[in-house]
Amino acid sequence: MADGMKIIGHTGESLTVTVLAKMGIYAYAIKHDGVDVVAVGGNGLFVAQRIEVKTSEKMFQPEKNLFSFTCAKGKPKRCYTKEDCDMIALVSLLDEKIIFKTVEDVQVITKKVHRKTFLEADVMKKTWEEALSKSLQSTQTNIKDYLTVY
């Protein structure tokens, strides 16, 4: 990855940690096996969340107001799974806003997001709460399935 892209990525990770802190969530930027940020506690968070951050500094298709995020890993590219992370944070540096999604809700290699989505009122808080609720439900289901097998 080119140095400029790394700087953009680190900026998105820092913004994600800052936004979560403002919501009362204890989060840390890490680099571990594809996970960029880990949220470990605070304000309704009972199970740590592994977050993959995808950052864009500008629109991919300005004439259509679209951002484009690569939400895949490896060669050949494959979509992230719950084994990789719990959530994906889509960061618009242009607007300094984040949309949080569960990994299950982003099962495409390239995710396109209209700019107006980033500009919705309370988008960061709303998408965090929705993604957290879904992720915790998914984790609970996975634990029940695991315990049933063993």
Protein backbone atom coordinates (compact mmCIF):
# COMPACT_ATOMS: atom_id res chain seq x y z
CA MET A 1 0.00 0.00 0.00
CA ALA A 2 1.35 3.45 -0.91
CA ASP A 3 2.26 5.82 1.91
CA GLY A 4 -0.55 8.23 0.98
CA MET A 5 -3.11 5.45 1.26
CA LYS A 6 -1.69 4.42 4.64
CA ILE A 7 -2.05 7.98 5.93
CA ILE A 8 -5.68 8.08 4.76
CA GLY A 9 -6.32 4.73 6.44
CA HIS A 10 -4.71 5.80 9.72
CA THR A 11 -6.74 9.01 9.66
CA GLY A 12 -9.96 7.00 9.29
CA GLU A 13 -8.95 4.72 12.14
CA SER A 14 -8.18 7.70 14.39
CA LEU A 15 -11.51 9.32 13.52
CA THR A 16 -13.30 6.06 14.33
CA VAL A 17 -11.65 5.83 17.76
CA THR A 18 -12.48 9.50 18.45
CA VAL A 19 -16.12 9.17 17.42
CA LEU A 20 -16.57 6.05 19.54
CA ALA A 21 -14.95 7.80 22.53
CA LYS A 22 -17.43 10.68 22.15
CA MET A 23 -20.22 8.07 22.33
CA GLY A 24 -18.81 6.70 25.58
CA ILE A 25 -17.17 3.64 24.02
CA TYR A 26 -13.63 2.61 24.98
CA ALA A 27 -11.88 1.91 21.69
CA TYR A 28 -8.30 1.49 20.55
CA ALA A 29 -6.58 1.51 17.18
CA ILE A 30 -4.73 -1.77 16.71
CA LYS A 31 -3.21 -3.66 13.82
CA HIS A 32 -3.95 -7.32 14.26
CA ASP A 33 -4.88 -9.72 11.47
CA GLY A 34 -7.03 -7.25 9.56
CA VAL A 35 -8.70 -5.64 12.56
CA ASP A 36 -8.06 -1.88 12.75
CA VAL A 37 -10.01 -0.85 15.87
CA VAL A 38 -11.26 -2.78 18.87
CA ALA A 39 -14.10 -1.43 21.00
CA VAL A 40 -13.79 -3.00 24.44
CA GLY A 41 -16.35 -1.44 26.75
CA GLY A 42 -18.58 1.41 27.78
CA ASN A 43 -22.09 2.60 26.97
CA GLY A 44 -23.95 -0.68 26.32
CA LEU A 45 -20.98 -2.62 25.00
CA PHE A 46 -20.83 -5.98 26.76
CA VAL A 47 -18.76 -7.93 24.21
CA ALA A 48 -15.71 -6.46 22.50
CA GLN A 49 -16.20 -5.56 18.85
CA ARG A 50 -13.51 -5.98 16.20
CA ILE A 51 -13.86 -3.23 13.61
CA GLU A 52 -12.35 -3.10 10.13
CA VAL A 53 -12.12 0.54 8.99
CA LYS A 54 -12.51 1.50 5.34
CA THR A 55 -11.72 5.12 4.54
CA SER A 56 -12.30 7.40 1.58
CA GLU A 57 -11.04 10.95 1.31
CA LYS A 58 -13.07 11.78 -1.80
CA MET A 59 -15.96 10.54 -3.84
CA PHE A 60 -15.27 7.81 -6.38
CA GLN A 61 -17.96 9.16 -8.72
CA PRO A 62 -18.42 12.86 -7.85
CA GLU A 63 -21.04 13.37 -10.54
CA LYS A 64 -23.20 10.75 -8.77
CA ASN A 65 -22.16 11.70 -5.22
CA LEU A 66 -20.86 8.15 -4.60
CA PHE A 67 -18.11 6.91 -2.36
CA SER A 68 -16.57 3.51 -3.05
CA PHE A 69 -15.08 1.25 -0.37
CA THR A 70 -13.21 -2.01 -0.94
CA CYS A 71 -14.63 -4.37 1.70
CA ALA A 72 -12.56 -7.45 0.99
CA LYS A 73 -9.26 -9.06 1.84
CA GLY A 74 -6.77 -11.47 0.37
CA LYS A 75 -5.86 -12.56 -3.12
CA PRO A 76 -8.15 -13.40 -4.69
CA LYS A 77 -10.40 -10.88 -2.96
CA ARG A 78 -13.06 -12.28 -0.62
CA CYS A 79 -15.64 -10.58 1.53
CA TYR A 80 -14.99 -10.23 5.24
CA THR A 81 -16.73 -12.71 7.52
CA LYS A 82 -17.52 -12.84 11.24
CA GLU A 83 -14.26 -14.75 11.66
CA ASP A 84 -12.38 -11.65 10.40
CA CYS A 85 -14.24 -8.88 12.24
CA ASP A 86 -17.60 -7.95 13.76
CA MET A 87 -18.19 -4.60 12.09
CA ILE A 88 -17.02 -2.50 9.20
CA ALA A 89 -16.73 1.26 9.62
CA LEU A 90 -17.14 3.18 6.36
CA VAL A 91 -15.42 6.54 6.83
CA SER A 92 -15.93 9.67 4.73
CA LEU A 93 -13.05 12.02 5.49
CA LEU A 94 -14.70 14.59 3.24
CA ASP A 95 -17.61 14.82 5.69
CA GLU A 96 -15.80 13.51 8.80
CA LYS A 97 -18.62 10.98 9.25
CA ILE A 98 -18.79 7.23 9.75
CA ILE A 99 -21.38 4.61 8.87
CA PHE A 100 -21.11 1.45 10.95
CA LYS A 101 -22.32 -1.87 9.50
CA THR A 102 -22.13 -5.44 10.70
CA VAL A 103 -19.82 -7.59 8.65
CA GLU A 104 -22.87 -9.65 7.64
CA ASP A 105 -24.46 -6.52 6.15
CA VAL A 106 -21.47 -5.85 3.88
CA GLN A 107 -21.17 -8.96 1.76
CA VAL A 108 -19.85 -7.25 -1.36
CA ILE A 109 -16.28 -6.66 -2.44
CA THR A 110 -16.98 -3.03 -3.36
CA LYS A 111 -19.53 -1.10 -1.30
CA LYS A 112 -20.85 2.09 -2.86
CA VAL A 113 -22.47 4.66 -0.57
CA HIS A 114 -24.25 7.86 -1.59
CA ARG A 115 -22.94 10.97 0.11
CA LYS A 116 -26.40 11.89 1.43
CA THR A 117 -26.24 8.77 3.64
CA PHE A 118 -23.24 10.24 5.47
CA LEU A 119 -25.08 13.54 5.89
CA GLU A 120 -28.18 12.10 7.60
CA ALA A 121 -28.84 13.42 11.11
CA ASP A 122 -27.08 11.44 13.86
CA VAL A 123 -25.85 8.90 11.28
CA MET A 124 -22.88 7.80 13.38
CA LYS A 125 -24.84 7.19 16.57
CA LYS A 126 -27.76 5.53 14.76
CA THR A 127 -25.61 3.21 12.65
CA TRP A 128 -23.41 2.32 15.65
CA GLU A 129 -26.40 1.36 17.78
CA GLU A 130 -27.99 -0.66 14.96
CA ALA A 131 -24.75 -2.44 14.05
CA LEU A 132 -23.93 -3.14 17.70
CA SER A 133 -27.36 -4.65 18.34
CA LYS A 134 -27.11 -6.89 15.25
CA SER A 135 -23.53 -7.88 16.01
CA LEU A 136 -24.32 -8.84 19.60
CA GLN A 137 -27.29 -10.92 18.40
CA SER A 138 -25.06 -12.66 15.86
CA THR A 139 -22.41 -13.34 18.51
CA GLN A 140 -25.03 -14.75 20.87
CA THR A 141 -26.32 -17.06 18.13
CA ASN A 142 -22.77 -18.21 17.34
CA ILE A 143 -22.12 -18.98 21.01
CA LYS A 144 -25.37 -20.96 21.30
CA ASP A 145 -24.51 -22.91 18.15
CA TYR A 146 -21.02 -23.64 19.48
CA LEU A 147 -22.36 -24.82 22.84
CA THR A 148 -24.93 -27.06 21.13
CA VAL A 149 -22.16 -28.81 19.18
CA TYR A 150 -19.92 -29.27 22.21
